[in-house]
Amino acid sequence: GVLQRASFLSTDLDYAGDGGGADIVVPYFQPIPQLPQTWSRGAATLLFFAGADAPHKGLRWRLGEAIKRYTRITGEAGVSLIDYHLFSSSTDNMNNQEYQQRMQSAAFCLVVRGDTHSSRRLFGAIANGCVPVIISDVIFLPFERFLDFSAFSVKFSEEFVVTHAGVTTLIGYLQKLVEDGRYASMRSLLPAAAKALLFDDLQDPQRTRSVVNPVTLALVDAFFA
């Protein structure tokens, strides 16, 4: 019957991905930034993250501790590579303008699991021209049947990156992506990803982005599966 064919749109499924088998993961709403006319891809830092310590002393905290150890060992070179900020409360944070500017000035942006397995930062990174580095063992990405996320993002396991060796490997891998030209290729695909994943601002007469078509395709696919 119709109820048996029901599909639900969700930005995040539970840990087991149990949504009745037909739930469809859709993007978070992400305001599309107005990039300055003089904006260019001269990355000031290799890797950026700013977010709350949620859950308290969870994955983000453990990663931050591993990054602190990495920068202590590597010295100034490590400090200039990583721009990592962890806030203890919602009032102790970075304003939106500075947050976007730091995203835009980084080559890669960390998308680290917090209270949920997905994160709005994935779409913020894409919107700001920053290649996402996803740190989440269980994440359901929107429209995976239609979008090859591996072409414009990087993914690492949670336990791997919370060690000094893991952070060292992560930084080395990202540097290699920049050096051999793969980063440039990944970043060149972000505008197309943005068109598929970012909702239109309905008040913008020049809007060109829409998620209607991918959602429709996913709904049809789930309905007739």
C-alpha atoms as a PDB file:
ATOM      1  CA  GLY A   1       0.000   0.000   0.000  1.00  0.00           C
ATOM      2  CA  VAL A   2       0.909   3.662  -0.040  1.00  0.00           C
ATOM      3  CA  LEU A   3       2.079   3.657   3.589  1.00  0.00           C
ATOM      4  CA  GLN A   4       4.427   0.783   2.891  1.00  0.00           C
ATOM      5  CA  ARG A   5       5.979   2.900   0.142  1.00  0.00           C
ATOM      6  CA  ALA A   6       6.372   6.001   2.335  1.00  0.00           C
ATOM      7  CA  SER A   7       9.738   7.734   2.214  1.00  0.00           C
ATOM      8  CA  PHE A   8      10.995  10.329   4.664  1.00  0.00           C
ATOM      9  CA  LEU A   9      13.459  13.120   3.968  1.00  0.00           C
ATOM     10  CA  SER A  10      16.089  13.417   6.694  1.00  0.00           C
ATOM     11  CA  THR A  11      19.392  15.244   7.152  1.00  0.00           C
ATOM     12  CA  ASP A  12      20.687  12.423   9.360  1.00  0.00           C
ATOM     13  CA  LEU A  13      19.772   8.765   9.867  1.00  0.00           C
ATOM     14  CA  ASP A  14      20.390   6.971  13.140  1.00  0.00           C
ATOM     15  CA  TYR A  15      23.581   5.049  13.897  1.00  0.00           C
ATOM     16  CA  ALA A  16      22.362   1.859  12.256  1.00  0.00           C
ATOM     17  CA  GLY A  17      20.913   3.764   9.317  1.00  0.00           C
ATOM     18  CA  ASP A  18      17.517   2.417  10.290  1.00  0.00           C
ATOM     19  CA  GLY A  19      14.980   4.526   8.476  1.00  0.00           C
ATOM     20  CA  GLY A  20      12.711   1.785   7.271  1.00  0.00           C
ATOM     21  CA  GLY A  21      14.904   1.129   4.261  1.00  0.00           C
ATOM     22  CA  ALA A  22      13.506   3.952   2.157  1.00  0.00           C
ATOM     23  CA  ASP A  23      14.468   7.168   3.948  1.00  0.00           C
ATOM     24  CA  ILE A  24      16.295   9.699   1.805  1.00  0.00           C
ATOM     25  CA  VAL A  25      19.163  11.781   3.152  1.00  0.00           C
ATOM     26  CA  VAL A  26      18.974  15.410   2.016  1.00  0.00           C
ATOM     27  CA  PRO A  27      21.385  18.310   2.596  1.00  0.00           C
ATOM     28  CA  TYR A  28      21.208  20.674   5.522  1.00  0.00           C
ATOM     29  CA  PHE A  29      20.189  24.204   4.555  1.00  0.00           C
ATOM     30  CA  GLN A  30      23.361  26.202   4.024  1.00  0.00           C
ATOM     31  CA  PRO A  31      23.221  29.936   3.223  1.00  0.00           C
ATOM     32  CA  ILE A  32      25.237  30.612   0.092  1.00  0.00           C
ATOM     33  CA  PRO A  33      27.985  33.137   0.889  1.00  0.00           C
ATOM     34  CA  GLN A  34      28.691  36.183  -1.212  1.00  0.00           C
ATOM     35  CA  LEU A  35      32.354  35.736  -2.087  1.00  0.00           C
ATOM     36  CA  PRO A  36      34.347  38.976  -2.507  1.00  0.00           C
ATOM     37  CA  GLN A  37      35.002  40.049  -6.081  1.00  0.00           C
ATOM     38  CA  THR A  38      38.737  39.777  -5.398  1.00  0.00           C
ATOM     39  CA  TRP A  39      38.449  36.298  -3.883  1.00  0.00           C
ATOM     40  CA  SER A  40      41.017  33.809  -5.168  1.00  0.00           C
ATOM     41  CA  ARG A  41      42.309  30.387  -4.207  1.00  0.00           C
ATOM     42  CA  GLY A  42      45.484  31.484  -2.432  1.00  0.00           C
ATOM     43  CA  ALA A  43      45.104  29.181   0.569  1.00  0.00           C
ATOM     44  CA  ALA A  44      46.560  30.669   3.753  1.00  0.00           C
ATOM     45  CA  THR A  45      46.277  27.361   5.623  1.00  0.00           C
ATOM     46  CA  LEU A  46      46.137  23.732   4.638  1.00  0.00           C
ATOM     47  CA  LEU A  47      43.377  22.597   7.023  1.00  0.00           C
ATOM     48  CA  PHE A  48      40.646  24.442   8.954  1.00  0.00           C
ATOM     49  CA  PHE A  49      38.076  23.530  11.597  1.00  0.00           C
ATOM     50  CA  ALA A  50      35.987  25.522  14.064  1.00  0.00           C
ATOM     51  CA  GLY A  51      33.169  24.053  16.135  1.00  0.00           C
ATOM     52  CA  ALA A  52      31.767  23.170  19.525  1.00  0.00           C
ATOM     53  CA  ASP A  53      33.174  20.513  21.846  1.00  0.00           C
ATOM     54  CA  ALA A  54      30.144  18.287  21.283  1.00  0.00           C
ATOM     55  CA  PRO A  55      29.784  15.794  22.743  1.00  0.00           C
ATOM     56  CA  HIS A  56      32.076  16.974  25.541  1.00  0.00           C
ATOM     57  CA  LYS A  57      35.558  15.476  25.183  1.00  0.00           C
ATOM     58  CA  GLY A  58      34.345  13.394  22.243  1.00  0.00           C
ATOM     59  CA  LEU A  59      35.853  12.936  18.792  1.00  0.00           C
ATOM     60  CA  ARG A  60      36.464  16.648  18.162  1.00  0.00           C
ATOM     61  CA  TRP A  61      38.303  17.021  21.475  1.00  0.00           C
ATOM     62  CA  ARG A  62      40.401  13.888  20.878  1.00  0.00           C
ATOM     63  CA  LEU A  63      41.316  15.100  17.399  1.00  0.00           C
ATOM     64  CA  GLY A  64      42.201  18.505  18.826  1.00  0.00           C
ATOM     65  CA  GLU A  65      44.528  16.890  21.367  1.00  0.00           C
ATOM     66  CA  ALA A  66      46.250  14.899  18.618  1.00  0.00           C
ATOM     67  CA  ILE A  67      46.649  18.093  16.566  1.00  0.00           C
ATOM     68  CA  LYS A  68      48.146  19.915  19.586  1.00  0.00           C
ATOM     69  CA  ARG A  69      50.716  17.149  19.923  1.00  0.00           C
ATOM     70  CA  TYR A  70      51.467  17.303  16.200  1.00  0.00           C
ATOM     71  CA  THR A  71      52.043  21.070  16.299  1.00  0.00           C
ATOM     72  CA  ARG A  72      54.217  20.808  19.412  1.00  0.00           C
ATOM     73  CA  ILE A  73      56.445  18.302  17.647  1.00  0.00           C
ATOM     74  CA  THR A  74      56.562  20.015  14.240  1.00  0.00           C
ATOM     75  CA  GLY A  75      56.789  23.549  15.620  1.00  0.00           C
ATOM     76  CA  GLU A  76      55.972  26.605  13.509  1.00  0.00           C
ATOM     77  CA  ALA A  77      55.570  24.523  10.360  1.00  0.00           C
ATOM     78  CA  GLY A  78      52.703  22.601  11.942  1.00  0.00           C
ATOM     79  CA  VAL A  79      51.081  25.731  13.392  1.00  0.00           C
ATOM     80  CA  SER A  80      50.952  27.395   9.960  1.00  0.00           C
ATOM     81  CA  LEU A  81      49.385  24.310   8.379  1.00  0.00           C
ATOM     82  CA  ILE A  82      46.420  23.770  10.722  1.00  0.00           C
ATOM     83  CA  ASP A  83      43.796  26.275  11.886  1.00  0.00           C
ATOM     84  CA  TYR A  84      41.811  24.324  14.527  1.00  0.00           C
ATOM     85  CA  HIS A  85      39.377  25.892  17.013  1.00  0.00           C
ATOM     86  CA  LEU A  86      37.259  24.018  19.560  1.00  0.00           C
ATOM     87  CA  PHE A  87      34.732  25.991  21.603  1.00  0.00           C
ATOM     88  CA  SER A  88      33.361  24.985  24.980  1.00  0.00           C
ATOM     89  CA  SER A  89      29.969  26.688  24.608  1.00  0.00           C
ATOM     90  CA  SER A  90      27.633  28.223  22.046  1.00  0.00           C
ATOM     91  CA  THR A  91      28.588  31.737  23.222  1.00  0.00           C
ATOM     92  CA  ASP A  92      32.322  31.031  23.002  1.00  0.00           C
ATOM     93  CA  ASN A  93      32.556  30.768  19.248  1.00  0.00           C
ATOM     94  CA  MET A  94      33.540  32.455  15.990  1.00  0.00           C
ATOM     95  CA  ASN A  95      31.245  34.917  14.238  1.00  0.00           C
ATOM     96  CA  ASN A  96      29.832  33.817  10.907  1.00  0.00           C
ATOM     97  CA  GLN A  97      31.806  36.286   8.796  1.00  0.00           C
ATOM     98  CA  GLU A  98      35.156  35.244  10.264  1.00  0.00           C
ATOM     99  CA  TYR A  99      34.142  31.582  10.008  1.00  0.00           C
ATOM    100  CA  GLN A 100      33.422  31.913   6.286  1.00  0.00           C
ATOM    101  CA  GLN A 101      36.619  33.878   5.682  1.00  0.00           C
ATOM    102  CA  ARG A 102      38.717  31.182   7.351  1.00  0.00           C
ATOM    103  CA  MET A 103      36.983  28.493   5.297  1.00  0.00           C
ATOM    104  CA  GLN A 104      37.656  30.447   2.123  1.00  0.00           C
ATOM    105  CA  SER A 105      41.338  30.860   3.021  1.00  0.00           C
ATOM    106  CA  ALA A 106      41.913  27.131   3.658  1.00  0.00           C
ATOM    107  CA  ALA A 107      42.574  24.405   1.117  1.00  0.00           C
ATOM    108  CA  PHE A 108      40.735  21.717   3.139  1.00  0.00           C
ATOM    109  CA  CYS A 109      38.028  21.956   5.810  1.00  0.00           C
ATOM    110  CA  LEU A 110      37.473  19.286   8.455  1.00  0.00           C
ATOM    111  CA  VAL A 111      33.952  17.890   8.729  1.00  0.00           C
ATOM    112  CA  VAL A 112      34.123  16.157  12.113  1.00  0.00           C
ATOM    113  CA  ARG A 113      31.238  14.198  13.598  1.00  0.00           C
ATOM    114  CA  GLY A 114      29.682  15.870  16.638  1.00  0.00           C
ATOM    115  CA  ASP A 115      26.412  14.967  18.358  1.00  0.00           C
ATOM    116  CA  THR A 116      25.172  13.488  15.079  1.00  0.00           C
ATOM    117  CA  HIS A 117      26.987  11.573  12.386  1.00  0.00           C
ATOM    118  CA  SER A 118      26.464  14.190   9.709  1.00  0.00           C
ATOM    119  CA  SER A 119      27.411  17.862   9.903  1.00  0.00           C
ATOM    120  CA  ARG A 120      26.301  21.112   8.312  1.00  0.00           C
ATOM    121  CA  ARG A 121      30.015  21.843   7.832  1.00  0.00           C
ATOM    122  CA  LEU A 122      30.081  19.556   4.795  1.00  0.00           C
ATOM    123  CA  PHE A 123      27.816  21.969   2.930  1.00  0.00           C
ATOM    124  CA  GLY A 124      29.496  25.040   4.419  1.00  0.00           C
ATOM    125  CA  ALA A 125      32.845  23.818   3.097  1.00  0.00           C
ATOM    126  CA  ILE A 126      31.421  23.191  -0.376  1.00  0.00           C
ATOM    127  CA  ALA A 127      29.708  26.595  -0.407  1.00  0.00           C
ATOM    128  CA  ASN A 128      32.964  28.335   0.523  1.00  0.00           C
ATOM    129  CA  GLY A 129      35.179  26.528  -1.997  1.00  0.00           C
ATOM    130  CA  CYS A 130      36.967  24.398   0.603  1.00  0.00           C
ATOM    131  CA  VAL A 131      37.527  20.677  -0.070  1.00  0.00           C
ATOM    132  CA  PRO A 132      35.809  18.714   2.747  1.00  0.00           C
ATOM    133  CA  VAL A 133      37.760  16.231   4.872  1.00  0.00           C
ATOM    134  CA  ILE A 134      35.092  14.001   6.434  1.00  0.00           C
ATOM    135  CA  ILE A 135      35.867  12.366   9.793  1.00  0.00           C
ATOM    136  CA  SER A 136      32.929  10.088  10.579  1.00  0.00           C
ATOM    137  CA  ASP A 137      32.674   6.310  10.545  1.00  0.00           C
ATOM    138  CA  VAL A 138      28.920   6.266  10.007  1.00  0.00           C
ATOM    139  CA  ILE A 139      27.675   8.962   7.681  1.00  0.00           C
ATOM    140  CA  PHE A 140      24.950   8.849   5.060  1.00  0.00           C
ATOM    141  CA  LEU A 141      25.655  11.386   2.348  1.00  0.00           C
ATOM    142  CA  PRO A 142      22.898  12.986   0.274  1.00  0.00           C
ATOM    143  CA  PHE A 143      22.250  11.566  -3.191  1.00  0.00           C
ATOM    144  CA  GLU A 144      25.176   9.125  -3.077  1.00  0.00           C
ATOM    145  CA  ARG A 145      23.728   7.241  -6.047  1.00  0.00           C
ATOM    146  CA  PHE A 146      24.027  10.368  -8.174  1.00  0.00           C
ATOM    147  CA  LEU A 147      27.077  12.141  -6.755  1.00  0.00           C
ATOM    148  CA  ASP A 148      30.597  10.754  -6.424  1.00  0.00           C
ATOM    149  CA  PHE A 149      31.672  12.402  -3.171  1.00  0.00           C
ATOM    150  CA  SER A 150      35.138  10.860  -3.428  1.00  0.00           C
ATOM    151  CA  ALA A 151      35.797  13.109  -6.429  1.00  0.00           C
ATOM    152  CA  PHE A 152      35.568  16.309  -4.367  1.00  0.00           C
ATOM    153  CA  SER A 153      36.088  15.247  -0.728  1.00  0.00           C
ATOM    154  CA  VAL A 154      38.378  13.120   1.459  1.00  0.00           C
ATOM    155  CA  LYS A 155      37.300  10.687   4.184  1.00  0.00           C
ATOM    156  CA  PHE A 156      39.216   9.240   7.160  1.00  0.00           C
ATOM    157  CA  SER A 157      38.115   6.934   9.974  1.00  0.00           C
ATOM    158  CA  GLU A 158      37.587   8.356  13.453  1.00  0.00           C
ATOM    159  CA  GLU A 159      40.049   6.203  15.392  1.00  0.00           C
ATOM    160  CA  PHE A 160      42.772   6.709  12.794  1.00  0.00           C
ATOM    161  CA  VAL A 161      42.960  10.502  13.082  1.00  0.00           C
ATOM    162  CA  VAL A 162      42.951  10.812  16.886  1.00  0.00           C
ATOM    163  CA  THR A 163      46.572   9.657  17.180  1.00  0.00           C
ATOM    164  CA  HIS A 164      49.774  11.522  16.436  1.00  0.00           C
ATOM    165  CA  ALA A 165      50.599   9.040  13.683  1.00  0.00           C
ATOM    166  CA  GLY A 166      47.124   9.496  12.215  1.00  0.00           C
ATOM    167  CA  VAL A 167      47.328  13.298  12.143  1.00  0.00           C
ATOM    168  CA  THR A 168      50.823  13.083  10.644  1.00  0.00           C
ATOM    169  CA  THR A 169      49.533  10.777   7.906  1.00  0.00           C
ATOM    170  CA  LEU A 170      46.485  12.990   7.292  1.00  0.00           C
ATOM    171  CA  ILE A 171      48.573  16.159   6.893  1.00  0.00           C
ATOM    172  CA  GLY A 172      51.075  14.370   4.653  1.00  0.00           C
ATOM    173  CA  TYR A 173      48.268  13.029   2.471  1.00  0.00           C
ATOM    174  CA  LEU A 174      46.647  16.449   2.078  1.00  0.00           C
ATOM    175  CA  GLN A 175      49.998  18.027   1.210  1.00  0.00           C
ATOM    176  CA  LYS A 176      50.504  15.335  -1.429  1.00  0.00           C
ATOM    177  CA  LEU A 177      47.080  16.099  -2.929  1.00  0.00           C
ATOM    178  CA  VAL A 178      48.135  19.740  -3.313  1.00  0.00           C
ATOM    179  CA  GLU A 179      51.553  18.901  -4.730  1.00  0.00           C
ATOM    180  CA  ASP A 180      50.428  16.403  -7.370  1.00  0.00           C
ATOM    181  CA  GLY A 181      47.493  18.470  -8.636  1.00  0.00           C
ATOM    182  CA  ARG A 182      44.664  16.307  -7.312  1.00  0.00           C
ATOM    183  CA  TYR A 183      43.559  19.060  -4.935  1.00  0.00           C
ATOM    184  CA  ALA A 184      43.064  21.467  -7.851  1.00  0.00           C
ATOM    185  CA  SER A 185      40.970  18.855  -9.634  1.00  0.00           C
ATOM    186  CA  MET A 186      38.853  18.224  -6.522  1.00  0.00           C
ATOM    187  CA  ARG A 187      38.282  21.897  -5.916  1.00  0.00           C
ATOM    188  CA  SER A 188      37.279  22.463  -9.546  1.00  0.00           C
ATOM    189  CA  LEU A 189      34.348  20.081  -8.972  1.00  0.00           C
ATOM    190  CA  LEU A 190      32.967  21.980  -5.960  1.00  0.00           C
ATOM    191  CA  PRO A 191      30.817  24.420  -8.009  1.00  0.00           C
ATOM    192  CA  ALA A 192      29.011  21.469  -9.630  1.00  0.00           C
ATOM    193  CA  ALA A 193      28.600  19.814  -6.225  1.00  0.00           C
ATOM    194  CA  ALA A 194      27.206  23.079  -4.866  1.00  0.00           C
ATOM    195  CA  LYS A 195      24.573  23.197  -7.603  1.00  0.00           C
ATOM    196  CA  ALA A 196      23.355  19.749  -6.555  1.00  0.00           C
ATOM    197  CA  LEU A 197      23.626  20.148  -2.783  1.00  0.00           C
ATOM    198  CA  LEU A 198      22.897  23.778  -1.889  1.00  0.00           C
ATOM    199  CA  PHE A 199      19.340  25.029  -1.681  1.00  0.00           C
ATOM    200  CA  ASP A 200      18.417  28.115  -3.663  1.00  0.00           C
ATOM    201  CA  ASP A 201      17.907  31.419  -1.953  1.00  0.00           C
ATOM    202  CA  LEU A 202      14.404  32.035  -3.273  1.00  0.00           C
ATOM    203  CA  GLN A 203      14.910  35.797  -2.905  1.00  0.00           C
ATOM    204  CA  ASP A 204      17.883  35.748  -5.287  1.00  0.00           C
ATOM    205  CA  PRO A 205      16.706  36.410  -8.874  1.00  0.00           C
ATOM    206  CA  GLN A 206      20.003  35.028 -10.186  1.00  0.00           C
ATOM    207  CA  ARG A 207      19.693  31.714  -8.342  1.00  0.00           C
ATOM    208  CA  THR A 208      21.154  28.749 -10.201  1.00  0.00           C
ATOM    209  CA  ARG A 209      21.250  26.036  -7.521  1.00  0.00           C
ATOM    210  CA  SER A 210      18.493  23.566  -6.765  1.00  0.00           C
ATOM    211  CA  VAL A 211      18.079  20.241  -5.003  1.00  0.00           C
ATOM    212  CA  VAL A 212      14.682  19.562  -6.524  1.00  0.00           C
ATOM    213  CA  ASN A 213      15.940  17.310  -9.299  1.00  0.00           C
ATOM    214  CA  PRO A 214      18.208  15.028  -7.182  1.00  0.00           C
ATOM    215  CA  VAL A 215      15.507  14.728  -4.502  1.00  0.00           C
ATOM    216  CA  THR A 216      12.925  13.824  -7.127  1.00  0.00           C
ATOM    217  CA  LEU A 217      15.210  11.195  -8.616  1.00  0.00           C
ATOM    218  CA  ALA A 218      15.924   9.715  -5.182  1.00  0.00           C
ATOM    219  CA  LEU A 219      12.212   9.638  -4.297  1.00  0.00           C
ATOM    220  CA  VAL A 220      11.324   7.892  -7.538  1.00  0.00           C
ATOM    221  CA  ASP A 221      14.159   5.419  -7.041  1.00  0.00           C
ATOM    222  CA  ALA A 222      13.023   4.623  -3.455  1.00  0.00           C
ATOM    223  CA  PHE A 223       9.355   4.397  -4.427  1.00  0.00           C
ATOM    224  CA  PHE A 224       9.872   1.886  -7.212  1.00  0.00           C
ATOM    225  CA  ALA A 225      12.706  -0.089  -5.547  1.00  0.00           C
END
